[in-house]
Protein backbone atom coordinates (compact mmCIF):
# COMPACT_ATOMS: atom_id res chain seq x y z
CA MET A 1 59.38 -39.54 13.28
CA LYS A 2 60.28 -39.45 16.96
CA ASP A 3 63.65 -37.89 16.10
CA PHE A 4 61.87 -35.03 14.35
CA PHE A 5 60.03 -34.08 17.53
CA TYR A 6 63.20 -34.45 19.60
CA ALA A 7 64.92 -32.09 17.15
CA ILE A 8 62.14 -29.52 17.65
CA GLN A 9 62.50 -29.93 21.42
CA ASP A 10 66.27 -29.50 21.18
CA LEU A 11 65.85 -26.39 19.01
CA PHE A 12 63.57 -24.67 21.49
CA VAL A 13 65.19 -25.81 24.74
CA ASN A 14 68.85 -25.46 23.83
CA VAL A 15 68.85 -22.69 21.20
CA LEU A 16 65.82 -20.40 21.13
CA PHE A 17 65.30 -20.13 24.89
CA MET A 18 69.00 -19.57 25.63
CA PRO A 19 68.60 -15.78 26.15
CA PHE A 20 65.85 -16.41 28.69
CA ASP A 21 68.05 -18.89 30.54
CA ALA A 22 70.87 -16.34 30.56
CA LEU A 23 68.51 -13.70 31.95
CA LYS A 24 67.36 -16.16 34.62
CA GLU A 25 70.96 -16.81 35.64
CA LEU A 26 71.74 -13.09 35.62
CA GLU A 27 68.85 -12.42 37.97
CA LEU A 28 70.28 -14.86 40.48
CA GLU A 29 73.67 -13.14 40.31
CA ASN A 30 72.68 -9.48 40.00
CA TRP A 31 69.06 -8.41 40.29
CA PHE A 32 69.75 -4.81 39.27
CA ALA A 33 71.36 -5.84 35.96
CA ALA A 34 68.43 -8.12 35.10
CA SER A 35 65.98 -5.34 35.93
CA ALA A 36 67.98 -2.85 33.86
CA ILE A 37 67.68 -5.14 30.82
CA SER A 38 63.93 -5.37 31.37
CA TRP A 39 63.64 -1.58 31.66
CA ILE A 40 65.62 -1.14 28.43
CA PHE A 41 63.04 -3.29 26.63
CA VAL A 42 60.20 -1.27 28.20
CA ILE A 43 61.79 1.99 27.05
CA ILE A 44 62.27 0.63 23.51
CA ALA A 45 58.59 -0.41 23.40
CA PHE A 46 57.50 3.01 24.70
CA VAL A 47 59.58 4.86 22.09
CA ALA A 48 58.15 2.64 19.35
CA MET A 49 54.59 3.34 20.56
CA VAL A 50 55.20 7.11 20.64
CA TYR A 51 56.69 6.98 17.13
CA TRP A 52 53.70 4.99 15.86
CA MET A 53 51.22 7.43 17.43
CA LEU A 54 53.04 10.40 15.87
CA GLN A 55 52.91 8.71 12.47
CA LEU A 56 49.18 8.06 12.87
CA LYS A 57 48.62 11.69 13.84
CA LYS A 58 50.60 12.86 10.80
CA PHE A 59 48.45 10.80 8.44
CA ASP A 60 45.30 11.90 10.23
CA ASP A 61 46.26 15.58 9.89
CA ASN A 62 46.86 15.13 6.13
CA ASN A 63 43.32 13.68 5.72
CA GLU A 64 44.71 10.75 3.73
CA GLU A 65 42.31 8.23 5.21
CA ASP A 66 38.92 7.58 3.64
CA LYS A 67 36.52 8.04 6.57
CA SER A 68 33.28 7.79 4.63
CA ILE A 69 30.68 5.39 6.01
CA SER A 70 30.67 3.26 2.86
CA SER A 71 34.45 3.09 2.54
CA HIS A 72 34.30 -0.72 2.37
CA SER A 73 32.08 -2.69 0.06
CA PHE A 74 30.94 -5.06 2.82
CA LEU A 75 29.56 -2.16 4.87
């Protein structure tokens, strides 16, 4: 049973967190490159949020949502 938990530890420490370790090492070598990677992720998240808001506005403009007060049986 102890080997099972060591396998989980090995999976997380040596496999799943490897990109974070690489980013940590990159920051020590070149701060601007590490910050550029972070800003790329921020831009991707911002574009996804804008896309989601535009989709919500499109559905809201089509009046496809049931906005009546008793739209759910538990209300």
